[in-house]
Protein backbone atom coordinates (compact mmCIF):
# COMPACT_ATOMS: atom_id res chain seq x y z
CA UNK A 1 -196.43 149.47 79.86
CA UNK A 2 -195.67 146.18 78.50
CA UNK A 3 -192.57 144.31 79.36
CA UNK A 4 -190.30 141.39 77.41
CA UNK A 5 -191.15 138.22 79.00
CA UNK A 6 -187.75 136.40 79.63
CA UNK A 7 -186.39 133.96 76.98
CA UNK A 8 -184.26 131.82 79.58
CA UNK A 9 -185.81 128.31 79.27
CA UNK A 10 -185.18 127.72 83.32
CA UNK A 11 -187.90 130.35 83.69
CA UNK A 12 -191.38 128.94 83.50
CA UNK A 13 -194.50 130.28 85.11
CA UNK A 14 -192.78 132.93 87.13
CA UNK A 15 -190.47 130.54 88.72
CA UNK A 16 -186.75 130.06 88.27
CA UNK A 17 -185.70 126.26 87.94
CA UNK A 18 -182.64 125.16 90.07
CA UNK A 19 -179.67 124.08 88.26
CA UNK A 20 -179.30 120.71 87.29
CA UNK A 21 -177.24 118.34 89.49
CA UNK A 22 -173.98 117.10 88.31
CA UNK A 23 -174.45 113.84 86.53
CA UNK A 24 -173.32 110.65 88.77
CA UNK A 25 -170.16 109.33 87.46
CA UNK A 26 -170.01 105.86 86.08
CA UNK A 27 -168.21 103.04 87.44
CA UNK A 28 -164.23 103.69 86.99
CA UNK A 29 -163.52 100.01 86.70
CA UNK A 30 -165.56 96.50 86.77
CA UNK A 31 -166.18 94.74 89.81
CA UNK A 32 -163.64 92.03 89.07
CA UNK A 33 -160.85 94.75 88.29
CA UNK A 34 -161.67 96.55 91.63
CA UNK A 35 -160.63 93.26 93.38
CA UNK A 36 -157.93 92.75 91.29
CA UNK A 37 -156.38 96.48 92.37
CA UNK A 38 -157.56 95.90 95.74
CA UNK A 39 -155.42 92.85 95.94
CA UNK A 40 -152.51 94.47 94.07
CA UNK A 41 -152.52 97.33 96.63
CA UNK A 42 -152.32 95.02 99.60
CA UNK A 43 -149.60 92.97 98.54
CA UNK A 44 -147.24 95.93 97.52
CA UNK A 45 -147.75 97.47 100.87
CA UNK A 46 -146.94 94.48 102.44
CA UNK A 47 -144.29 93.87 100.35
CA UNK A 48 -142.96 97.53 101.03
CA UNK A 49 -143.21 96.96 104.97
CA UNK A 50 -141.37 93.89 104.84
CA UNK A 51 -138.58 95.35 102.62
CA UNK A 52 -138.02 98.49 104.88
CA UNK A 53 -137.97 96.26 108.04
CA UNK A 54 -136.67 92.86 106.57
CA UNK A 55 -135.29 92.54 102.90
CA UNK A 56 -132.68 95.83 103.15
CA UNK A 57 -134.83 98.41 100.87
CA UNK A 58 -132.09 101.43 100.49
CA UNK A 59 -134.48 104.51 100.18
CA UNK A 60 -135.38 106.34 103.17
CA UNK A 61 -138.64 104.89 105.16
CA UNK A 62 -140.27 108.37 105.04
CA UNK A 63 -140.27 108.46 100.98
CA UNK A 64 -143.10 105.78 100.75
CA UNK A 65 -145.36 108.44 102.75
CA UNK A 66 -144.23 111.29 100.46
CA UNK A 67 -144.89 108.96 97.29
CA UNK A 68 -148.39 108.52 98.50
CA UNK A 69 -149.11 112.02 99.27
CA UNK A 70 -148.16 113.16 96.47
CA UNK A 71 -150.25 110.54 93.95
CA UNK A 72 -153.31 111.10 96.22
CA UNK A 73 -153.15 114.73 95.87
CA UNK A 74 -152.73 115.03 92.38
CA UNK A 75 -154.82 111.92 91.35
CA UNK A 76 -158.13 113.77 93.51
CA UNK A 77 -156.99 117.06 92.07
CA UNK A 78 -157.24 115.76 88.31
CA UNK A 79 -160.44 113.97 88.98
CA UNK A 80 -162.17 117.17 90.40
CA UNK A 81 -160.97 118.83 87.50
CA UNK A 82 -162.57 116.45 84.97
CA UNK A 83 -165.73 116.18 87.09
CA UNK A 84 -166.00 119.92 87.00
CA UNK A 85 -165.44 119.74 82.86
CA UNK A 86 -167.80 116.91 82.31
CA UNK A 87 -170.52 117.91 84.76
CA UNK A 88 -170.58 114.80 86.84
CA UNK A 89 -169.78 113.77 90.35
CA UNK A 90 -165.94 113.16 91.53
CA UNK A 91 -165.65 109.49 91.73
CA UNK A 92 -164.28 109.76 94.92
CA UNK A 93 -167.77 110.92 96.29
CA UNK A 94 -170.76 109.28 96.79
CA UNK A 95 -169.80 106.07 98.18
CA UNK A 96 -168.30 106.77 101.61
CA UNK A 97 -164.64 105.90 102.56
CA UNK A 98 -165.14 102.78 100.56
CA UNK A 99 -165.31 104.79 97.19
CA UNK A 100 -162.40 106.98 98.37
CA UNK A 101 -160.21 103.64 98.53
CA UNK A 102 -161.27 102.31 95.49
CA UNK A 103 -160.56 105.60 93.64
CA UNK A 104 -157.22 105.76 95.05
CA UNK A 105 -156.12 102.07 94.53
CA UNK A 106 -154.32 102.68 91.50
CA UNK A 107 -152.32 105.63 92.62
CA UNK A 108 -151.51 103.67 95.55
CA UNK A 109 -149.84 101.10 93.31
CA UNK A 110 -148.07 103.65 91.47
CA UNK A 111 -146.74 105.65 94.07
CA UNK A 112 -145.42 102.73 95.98
CA UNK A 113 -144.18 100.88 92.73
CA UNK A 114 -142.15 104.30 91.69
CA UNK A 115 -140.61 104.57 94.95
CA UNK A 116 -139.58 100.92 95.35
CA UNK A 117 -138.31 100.31 91.86
CA UNK A 118 -136.34 103.81 91.40
CA UNK A 119 -133.01 105.04 93.03
CA UNK A 120 -132.20 108.62 92.78
CA UNK A 121 -129.88 108.85 96.07
CA UNK A 122 -130.94 111.73 98.29
CA UNK A 123 -132.97 113.89 95.57
CA UNK A 124 -136.27 113.03 96.85
CA UNK A 125 -137.74 115.72 94.15
CA UNK A 126 -136.76 113.47 91.35
CA UNK A 127 -139.09 110.64 92.97
CA UNK A 128 -141.86 112.98 93.53
CA UNK A 129 -141.31 114.26 89.89
CA UNK A 130 -141.46 110.45 88.56
CA UNK A 131 -144.98 110.00 90.72
CA UNK A 132 -146.30 113.08 89.10
CA UNK A 133 -145.49 111.88 85.79
CA UNK A 134 -146.67 108.44 86.34
CA UNK A 135 -150.21 109.97 87.65
CA UNK A 136 -150.67 112.50 85.17
CA UNK A 137 -149.87 109.96 81.96
CA UNK A 138 -153.28 108.31 82.75
CA UNK A 139 -154.98 111.52 82.46
CA UNK A 140 -153.27 112.57 78.92
CA UNK A 141 -152.03 109.39 77.42
CA UNK A 142 -155.42 107.81 76.55
CA UNK A 143 -156.99 106.41 73.59
CA UNK A 144 -160.80 105.21 72.96
CA UNK A 145 -161.40 101.77 73.96
CA UNK A 146 -165.17 100.15 73.48
CA UNK A 147 -166.54 103.88 73.11
CA UNK A 148 -164.57 105.07 76.49
CA UNK A 149 -161.48 107.09 76.98
CA UNK A 150 -158.78 104.40 78.63
CA UNK A 151 -155.09 105.41 79.56
CA UNK A 152 -152.71 102.90 77.57
CA UNK A 153 -149.36 103.74 78.82
CA UNK A 154 -148.46 101.78 82.06
CA UNK A 155 -148.19 104.51 84.96
CA UNK A 156 -145.22 103.58 87.04
CA UNK A 157 -143.23 101.98 84.47
CA UNK A 158 -143.30 105.27 82.52
CA UNK A 159 -142.99 107.28 85.55
CA UNK A 160 -139.84 105.43 85.82
CA UNK A 161 -138.64 105.48 82.09
CA UNK A 162 -139.02 109.09 82.17
CA UNK A 163 -136.84 109.52 85.17
CA UNK A 164 -134.19 107.52 83.61
CA UNK A 165 -134.42 109.42 80.49
CA UNK A 166 -134.52 113.13 81.78
CA UNK A 167 -131.77 112.26 84.77
CA UNK A 168 -129.01 110.20 83.28
CA UNK A 169 -127.55 109.85 86.57
CA UNK A 170 -130.64 107.86 88.19
CA UNK A 171 -130.87 104.21 88.45
CA UNK A 172 -133.01 101.65 88.96
CA UNK A 173 -133.33 99.88 92.43
CA UNK A 174 -130.46 97.18 92.64
CA UNK A 175 -132.07 94.03 92.61
CA UNK A 176 -129.90 93.02 95.81
CA UNK A 177 -131.76 95.22 98.24
CA UNK A 178 -135.06 92.78 97.85
CA UNK A 179 -132.45 90.05 99.13
CA UNK A 180 -129.87 91.70 100.95
CA UNK A 181 -130.26 90.32 104.44
CA UNK A 182 -130.66 86.91 103.59
CA UNK A 183 -128.32 84.13 102.80
CA UNK A 184 -128.81 81.07 100.57
CA UNK A 185 -131.06 79.07 100.49
CA UNK A 186 -133.60 81.78 102.25
CA UNK A 187 -133.09 84.11 99.62
CA UNK A 188 -134.57 82.06 97.17
CA UNK A 189 -137.94 82.24 99.41
CA UNK A 190 -138.65 85.87 98.46
CA UNK A 191 -139.14 85.37 94.44
CA UNK A 192 -140.87 82.01 95.47
CA UNK A 193 -143.46 83.93 97.61
CA UNK A 194 -143.54 86.51 94.77
CA UNK A 195 -143.96 84.21 92.30
CA UNK A 196 -146.81 81.99 93.69
CA UNK A 197 -148.73 84.79 94.69
CA UNK A 198 -148.60 86.77 91.64
CA UNK A 199 -149.70 83.75 89.86
CA UNK A 200 -152.71 83.02 91.71
CA UNK A 201 -153.23 86.74 91.49
CA UNK A 202 -153.06 86.92 87.83
CA UNK A 203 -154.72 83.45 87.41
CA UNK A 204 -157.91 84.41 89.14
CA UNK A 205 -158.69 88.04 88.82
CA UNK A 206 -156.58 89.86 86.23
CA UNK A 207 -156.73 86.81 83.75
CA UNK A 208 -153.48 87.82 82.07
CA UNK A 209 -151.74 84.39 82.01
CA UNK A 210 -151.78 84.41 78.45
CA UNK A 211 -149.64 87.55 78.53
CA UNK A 212 -147.00 86.21 80.98
CA UNK A 213 -146.67 83.38 78.86
CA UNK A 214 -145.73 85.54 75.74
CA UNK A 215 -143.66 87.30 77.84
CA UNK A 216 -141.74 84.78 79.30
CA UNK A 217 -141.25 82.63 75.91
CA UNK A 218 -139.91 85.41 73.99
CA UNK A 219 -137.66 86.38 76.74
CA UNK A 220 -136.42 82.87 76.50
CA UNK A 221 -135.87 83.31 72.69
CA UNK A 222 -134.73 86.97 72.39
CA UNK A 223 -131.80 85.61 75.17
CA UNK A 224 -131.21 82.59 72.84
CA UNK A 225 -131.07 84.84 69.44
CA UNK A 226 -128.61 87.22 71.35
CA UNK A 227 -126.55 84.34 72.31
CA UNK A 228 -126.34 83.09 68.47
CA UNK A 229 -126.12 86.42 66.72
CA UNK A 230 -124.29 88.66 69.29
CA UNK A 231 -122.56 86.12 71.14
CA UNK A 232 -123.92 87.07 74.46
CA UNK A 233 -123.90 84.19 77.13
CA UNK A 234 -127.30 82.44 77.02
CA UNK A 235 -126.78 81.24 80.43
CA UNK A 236 -126.13 84.72 81.87
CA UNK A 237 -129.18 86.47 80.05
CA UNK A 238 -131.60 83.70 81.36
CA UNK A 239 -130.32 83.97 84.78
CA UNK A 240 -132.03 87.30 85.21
CA UNK A 241 -135.44 85.49 85.24
CA UNK A 242 -134.36 84.15 88.82
CA UNK A 243 -134.02 87.19 90.36
CA UNK A 244 -136.68 89.33 92.46
CA UNK A 245 -136.79 92.20 89.96
CA UNK A 246 -137.86 89.94 87.08
CA UNK A 247 -140.31 88.04 89.30
CA UNK A 248 -141.97 91.24 90.43
CA UNK A 249 -142.00 92.95 86.89
CA UNK A 250 -143.78 89.69 85.37
CA UNK A 251 -146.20 89.06 88.14
CA UNK A 252 -147.02 93.20 89.14
CA UNK A 253 -146.10 95.50 86.34
CA UNK A 254 -146.31 94.34 82.87
CA UNK A 255 -149.70 92.59 83.77
CA UNK A 256 -151.64 95.48 84.78
CA UNK A 257 -154.85 95.13 83.82
CA UNK A 258 -155.65 98.71 82.74
CA UNK A 259 -152.98 99.22 80.12
CA UNK A 260 -152.65 95.64 78.48
CA UNK A 261 -155.20 94.01 76.15
CA UNK A 262 -157.73 91.47 77.81
CA UNK A 263 -158.17 88.73 74.45
CA UNK A 264 -155.52 86.20 74.77
CA UNK A 265 -154.04 86.52 71.34
CA UNK A 266 -153.59 89.94 71.93
CA UNK A 267 -152.08 89.51 75.54
CA UNK A 268 -149.64 86.94 74.03
CA UNK A 269 -148.61 89.67 71.23
CA UNK A 270 -148.27 92.43 73.88
CA UNK A 271 -146.10 90.11 76.00
CA UNK A 272 -144.00 88.87 73.32
CA UNK A 273 -143.70 92.41 71.77
CA UNK A 274 -142.38 93.68 74.92
CA UNK A 275 -139.95 90.79 75.15
CA UNK A 276 -138.88 91.48 71.26
CA UNK A 277 -138.27 95.05 72.09
CA UNK A 278 -135.95 94.35 75.00
CA UNK A 279 -133.80 92.42 73.08
CA UNK A 280 -133.42 94.82 70.57
CA UNK A 281 -132.71 97.54 72.87
CA UNK A 282 -130.30 94.95 75.03
CA UNK A 283 -128.57 94.15 71.99
CA UNK A 284 -127.85 98.16 71.18
CA UNK A 285 -126.17 98.24 74.69
CA UNK A 286 -129.03 100.38 76.00
CA UNK A 287 -129.34 100.40 79.77
CA UNK A 288 -132.77 99.71 81.38
CA UNK A 289 -134.44 98.32 78.26
CA UNK A 290 -136.95 96.58 80.34
CA UNK A 291 -138.65 99.95 81.16
CA UNK A 292 -137.68 101.25 77.80
CA UNK A 293 -139.48 98.46 75.94
CA UNK A 294 -142.63 98.33 78.03
CA UNK A 295 -143.10 102.05 77.49
CA UNK A 296 -142.72 101.39 73.68
CA UNK A 297 -145.03 98.52 73.30
CA UNK A 298 -147.91 100.76 75.33
CA UNK A 299 -147.13 103.42 72.77
CA UNK A 300 -147.49 101.14 69.78
CA UNK A 301 -151.06 100.21 71.79
CA UNK A 302 -152.10 103.31 72.26
CA UNK A 303 -151.19 104.36 68.51
CA UNK A 304 -153.08 101.19 67.44
CA UNK A 305 -156.30 101.97 69.54
CA UNK A 306 -156.48 105.66 67.86
CA UNK A 307 -156.10 104.00 64.37
CA UNK A 308 -158.62 101.65 65.00
CA UNK A 309 -160.93 104.13 66.19
CA UNK A 310 -160.50 106.70 63.16
CA UNK A 311 -160.92 103.90 60.75
CA UNK A 312 -164.06 102.89 62.49
CA UNK A 313 -165.16 106.35 62.47
CA UNK A 314 -164.57 106.88 58.77
CA UNK A 315 -166.10 103.23 57.96
CA UNK A 316 -169.37 104.46 60.05
CA UNK A 317 -169.40 107.69 58.35
CA UNK A 318 -169.31 106.29 54.63
CA UNK A 319 -171.85 103.80 55.46
CA UNK A 320 -174.12 106.78 56.72
CA UNK A 321 -173.62 108.44 53.33
CA UNK A 322 -174.29 105.34 51.47
CA UNK A 323 -177.48 104.99 53.26
CA UNK A 324 -178.53 108.63 53.22
CA UNK A 325 -177.57 108.37 49.11
CA UNK A 326 -179.81 105.08 49.03
CA UNK A 327 -182.46 106.77 50.76
CA UNK A 328 -182.41 109.86 48.57
CA UNK A 329 -182.51 107.53 45.51
CA UNK A 330 -185.46 105.21 46.62
CA UNK A 331 -187.51 108.17 47.22
CA UNK A 332 -186.78 109.44 43.93
CA UNK A 333 -187.66 106.40 42.28
CA UNK A 334 -190.90 106.44 44.35
CA UNK A 335 -191.88 109.79 43.29
CA UNK A 336 -191.21 109.21 39.42
CA UNK A 337 -193.55 105.93 39.57
CA UNK A 338 -196.21 107.94 41.35
CA UNK A 339 -196.12 110.59 38.52
CA UNK A 340 -195.89 107.73 36.11
CA UNK A 341 -199.26 106.56 37.86
CA UNK A 342 -200.83 109.71 37.99
CA UNK A 343 -200.28 110.36 34.12
CA UNK A 344 -201.29 106.79 33.41
CA UNK A 345 -204.63 107.68 35.02
CA UNK A 346 -205.16 110.62 33.10
CA UNK A 347 -204.70 109.33 29.96
CA UNK A 348 -207.44 106.88 30.66
CA UNK A 349 -209.93 109.29 31.84
CA UNK A 350 -209.13 111.47 28.70
CA UNK A 351 -210.06 108.08 26.73
CA UNK A 352 -213.03 107.35 28.56
CA UNK A 353 -214.46 110.81 27.80
CA UNK A 354 -213.87 110.71 24.42
CA UNK A 355 -215.61 107.44 24.13
CA UNK A 356 -218.67 108.54 25.58
């Protein structure tokens, strides 16, 4: 009695091959970016410690731990699902504790930033909602960059902006709580220290000095323009630049290396664009324009990246079609030339026969 041989490709010579192991995950960030994220994470951790013990943070002291637990668990769950779908090893596996820490740097920064910069009274679930939105946005709002899908929306800024839109009673953390327990001139030391540390970090690691230049210079310009056109006090518009909130935003949020361009000209345009949108929103009496402006410019950049990708794909397809058409045309010309040569040889042979 004959039997039909199995058609499964994994069966060979009576042995069943083991399923292929998951492909190793590629590096999530370059070594330089990993160092920048590590320093960001250390800086914001130290700042939160000083904030709750010395500066005067008004959120409950347990909230940072809740924010971190939320961000860690949600980020890890999304990475696990993504790894299963893409048939690869999760990025938090394979490199011991160091790999886990490097994987969690972004969510660590996001969680502490959202909790630190938003004030939702005693509604801890609103803060948790903001952290979930911030972390989840990195997995949803993506665009192709140099052949890889990268998130383009600033996570912590987006989480805060969504909270402000969904819960109108919420507000940003009052700027005074960064220096609430200090008197002049000691209260000037806080922004000075943050400015010094942030400038060194961005100059040496993130390379976002051009972005800061575009943001700061056009912030001054929009303040002057609003003063001329809308009769706004120019000194009052400019004095915001001396506050801790502005310094934190400038050095630790808008310069996020994962959601800002790298080329100097693009950096400058990105920072300048945020300042321009902020000026427009503030001119229309829209509160918290800084967060909405950042989200808007990030969204514009994401749309640009997608349009660039689509146009490049269309150009590549058009060029491929043109090459295929040219190849067919060349093949046809070669065939016609071959037929003409054979016909010529036949006629010559015929003449030889007749002559003979």
